[in-house]
Amino acid sequence: AARTDETTYTVWGWRQGDDSLWQPNQRVIVCDPICGFNNRELLISEVSFTKDNNGTITELRVGPPDAYLPEP
């Protein structure tokens, strides 16, 4: 199945507001008017942590939870 609503976000740091690391299979609420996400619940499918001269960042690939269900 096509995952047309998948997108990637880059956030500062490796941790969430509660100090836990970002992890795949977590559900997150996304507000992104450009993508049309208004408090939309999405599932993190991939997480990539980077630390370099620009700082510490996390790339989060997210999409609608039902897009990751196995096909019947």
N, C-alpha and C. Protein backbone atom coordinates (compact mmCIF):
# COMPACT_ATOMS: atom_id res chain seq x y z
N ALA A 1 0.84 -1.18 0.00
CA ALA A 1 0.00 0.00 0.00
C ALA A 1 0.88 1.24 0.00
N ALA A 2 0.48 2.25 -0.72
CA ALA A 2 1.24 3.50 -0.77
C ALA A 2 1.07 4.26 0.53
N ARG A 3 2.14 4.86 0.96
CA ARG A 3 2.10 5.64 2.20
C ARG A 3 2.23 7.11 1.84
N THR A 4 1.20 7.65 1.25
CA THR A 4 1.27 8.99 0.69
C THR A 4 1.37 10.07 1.76
N ASP A 5 0.95 9.78 2.98
CA ASP A 5 1.00 10.79 4.04
C ASP A 5 2.28 10.70 4.86
N GLU A 6 3.25 9.91 4.44
CA GLU A 6 4.51 9.84 5.17
C GLU A 6 5.31 11.11 4.95
N THR A 7 5.99 11.54 5.99
CA THR A 7 6.87 12.69 5.89
C THR A 7 7.96 12.55 6.94
N THR A 8 9.00 13.35 6.82
CA THR A 8 10.11 13.32 7.77
C THR A 8 10.25 14.69 8.42
N TYR A 9 10.42 14.67 9.74
CA TYR A 9 10.64 15.90 10.50
C TYR A 9 12.00 15.83 11.16
N THR A 10 12.67 16.97 11.27
CA THR A 10 13.93 17.08 11.99
C THR A 10 13.67 17.90 13.24
N VAL A 11 14.07 17.35 14.39
CA VAL A 11 13.88 18.04 15.66
C VAL A 11 15.23 18.16 16.36
N TRP A 12 15.38 19.20 17.18
CA TRP A 12 16.61 19.39 17.94
C TRP A 12 16.68 18.39 19.07
N GLY A 13 17.86 17.84 19.29
CA GLY A 13 18.08 16.91 20.40
C GLY A 13 17.62 15.50 20.06
N TRP A 14 17.86 14.61 21.01
CA TRP A 14 17.50 13.20 20.85
C TRP A 14 16.33 12.81 21.73
N ARG A 15 15.88 13.74 22.58
CA ARG A 15 14.88 13.38 23.58
C ARG A 15 13.61 14.21 23.44
N GLN A 16 12.53 13.60 23.92
CA GLN A 16 11.24 14.27 23.95
C GLN A 16 11.15 15.16 25.19
N GLY A 17 10.03 15.83 25.34
CA GLY A 17 9.83 16.71 26.48
C GLY A 17 9.91 16.00 27.82
N ASP A 18 9.58 14.70 27.85
CA ASP A 18 9.64 13.94 29.11
C ASP A 18 11.00 13.28 29.31
N ASP A 19 11.99 13.64 28.49
CA ASP A 19 13.38 13.17 28.56
C ASP A 19 13.58 11.75 28.03
N SER A 20 12.55 11.14 27.45
CA SER A 20 12.73 9.81 26.84
C SER A 20 13.19 9.98 25.40
N LEU A 21 13.95 8.99 24.91
CA LEU A 21 14.40 9.02 23.52
C LEU A 21 13.23 8.81 22.57
N TRP A 22 13.32 9.42 21.40
CA TRP A 22 12.36 9.13 20.34
C TRP A 22 12.55 7.69 19.93
N GLN A 23 11.44 6.97 19.65
CA GLN A 23 11.54 5.56 19.27
C GLN A 23 10.53 5.22 18.19
N PRO A 24 10.89 4.26 17.31
CA PRO A 24 9.91 3.78 16.33
C PRO A 24 8.70 3.16 17.03
N ASN A 25 7.58 3.18 16.35
CA ASN A 25 6.30 2.64 16.82
C ASN A 25 5.64 3.48 17.90
N GLN A 26 6.16 4.68 18.15
CA GLN A 26 5.49 5.62 19.05
C GLN A 26 4.47 6.41 18.26
N ARG A 27 3.36 6.71 18.89
CA ARG A 27 2.38 7.60 18.28
C ARG A 27 2.66 9.01 18.77
N VAL A 28 2.59 9.96 17.85
CA VAL A 28 2.83 11.37 18.17
C VAL A 28 1.73 12.22 17.56
N ILE A 29 1.47 13.36 18.18
CA ILE A 29 0.51 14.32 17.65
C ILE A 29 1.30 15.37 16.86
N VAL A 30 0.92 15.57 15.61
CA VAL A 30 1.65 16.48 14.72
C VAL A 30 0.74 17.64 14.32
N CYS A 31 1.27 18.85 14.44
CA CYS A 31 0.61 20.06 13.94
C CYS A 31 1.51 20.64 12.85
N ASP A 32 1.08 20.50 11.61
CA ASP A 32 1.85 20.98 10.47
C ASP A 32 0.88 21.43 9.39
N PRO A 33 0.55 22.74 9.37
CA PRO A 33 -0.43 23.23 8.41
C PRO A 33 0.01 23.04 6.95
N ILE A 34 1.30 23.01 6.69
CA ILE A 34 1.78 22.84 5.32
C ILE A 34 1.40 21.45 4.80
N CYS A 35 1.51 20.44 5.65
CA CYS A 35 1.15 19.06 5.26
C CYS A 35 -0.31 18.75 5.52
N GLY A 36 -1.02 19.68 6.14
CA GLY A 36 -2.43 19.45 6.43
C GLY A 36 -2.67 18.63 7.69
N PHE A 37 -1.66 18.54 8.56
CA PHE A 37 -1.80 17.82 9.82
C PHE A 37 -2.18 18.81 10.91
N ASN A 38 -3.39 18.71 11.42
CA ASN A 38 -3.86 19.59 12.49
C ASN A 38 -4.18 18.73 13.70
N ASN A 39 -3.21 18.62 14.61
CA ASN A 39 -3.34 17.73 15.77
C ASN A 39 -3.62 16.31 15.33
N ARG A 40 -2.93 15.86 14.31
CA ARG A 40 -3.14 14.51 13.75
C ARG A 40 -2.20 13.51 14.43
N GLU A 41 -2.76 12.37 14.81
CA GLU A 41 -1.95 11.32 15.41
C GLU A 41 -1.25 10.54 14.30
N LEU A 42 0.09 10.49 14.38
CA LEU A 42 0.89 9.76 13.41
C LEU A 42 1.79 8.78 14.15
N LEU A 43 2.30 7.81 13.41
CA LEU A 43 3.17 6.79 13.97
C LEU A 43 4.59 7.02 13.47
N ILE A 44 5.56 6.97 14.39
CA ILE A 44 6.97 7.08 14.00
C ILE A 44 7.40 5.74 13.41
N SER A 45 7.83 5.75 12.15
CA SER A 45 8.27 4.51 11.51
C SER A 45 9.79 4.35 11.53
N GLU A 46 10.51 5.47 11.52
CA GLU A 46 11.97 5.43 11.53
C GLU A 46 12.51 6.58 12.36
N VAL A 47 13.62 6.33 13.05
CA VAL A 47 14.29 7.35 13.85
C VAL A 47 15.77 7.33 13.49
N SER A 48 16.34 8.51 13.26
CA SER A 48 17.76 8.62 12.96
C SER A 48 18.36 9.72 13.84
N PHE A 49 19.36 9.34 14.66
CA PHE A 49 20.02 10.29 15.55
C PHE A 49 21.33 10.74 14.92
N THR A 50 21.61 12.05 14.99
CA THR A 50 22.84 12.60 14.43
C THR A 50 23.45 13.58 15.42
N LYS A 51 24.78 13.51 15.55
CA LYS A 51 25.51 14.50 16.33
C LYS A 51 26.72 14.91 15.51
N ASP A 52 26.81 16.22 15.22
CA ASP A 52 27.94 16.73 14.45
C ASP A 52 28.21 18.16 14.87
N ASN A 53 28.96 18.89 14.06
CA ASN A 53 29.30 20.28 14.41
C ASN A 53 28.08 21.19 14.48
N ASN A 54 26.98 20.78 13.86
CA ASN A 54 25.76 21.58 13.89
C ASN A 54 24.90 21.29 15.11
N GLY A 55 25.29 20.29 15.91
CA GLY A 55 24.53 19.97 17.11
C GLY A 55 23.98 18.56 17.07
N THR A 56 23.01 18.32 17.93
CA THR A 56 22.39 17.01 18.07
C THR A 56 20.97 17.10 17.54
N ILE A 57 20.64 16.26 16.56
CA ILE A 57 19.31 16.29 15.96
C ILE A 57 18.76 14.88 15.80
N THR A 58 17.45 14.81 15.64
CA THR A 58 16.77 13.56 15.37
C THR A 58 15.90 13.74 14.15
N GLU A 59 15.96 12.80 13.22
CA GLU A 59 15.04 12.77 12.09
C GLU A 59 13.99 11.72 12.37
N LEU A 60 12.73 12.13 12.26
CA LEU A 60 11.60 11.25 12.53
C LEU A 60 10.80 11.06 11.25
N ARG A 61 10.66 9.84 10.80
CA ARG A 61 9.78 9.53 9.66
C ARG A 61 8.46 9.08 10.24
N VAL A 62 7.39 9.76 9.84
CA VAL A 62 6.07 9.48 10.41
C VAL A 62 5.04 9.28 9.31
N GLY A 63 3.97 8.61 9.68
CA GLY A 63 2.87 8.40 8.76
C GLY A 63 1.63 7.97 9.53
N PRO A 64 0.49 7.85 8.86
CA PRO A 64 -0.73 7.44 9.54
C PRO A 64 -0.59 6.01 10.06
N PRO A 65 -1.04 5.74 11.29
CA PRO A 65 -0.88 4.40 11.87
C PRO A 65 -1.45 3.28 11.00
N ASP A 66 -2.56 3.51 10.34
CA ASP A 66 -3.17 2.43 9.54
C ASP A 66 -2.36 2.10 8.29
N ALA A 67 -1.44 2.97 7.89
CA ALA A 67 -0.60 2.68 6.72
C ALA A 67 0.42 1.58 7.01
N TYR A 68 0.64 1.29 8.28
CA TYR A 68 1.65 0.30 8.66
C TYR A 68 1.04 -1.04 9.05
N LEU A 69 -0.27 -1.18 8.91
CA LEU A 69 -0.92 -2.46 9.20
C LEU A 69 -0.61 -3.43 8.07
N PRO A 70 -0.44 -4.70 8.39
CA PRO A 70 -0.20 -5.67 7.31
C PRO A 70 -1.42 -5.81 6.41
N GLU A 71 -1.16 -6.03 5.14
CA GLU A 71 -2.26 -6.21 4.20
C GLU A 71 -2.88 -7.58 4.43
N PRO A 72 -4.21 -7.69 4.26
CA PRO A 72 -4.87 -8.99 4.50
C PRO A 72 -4.46 -10.04 3.48
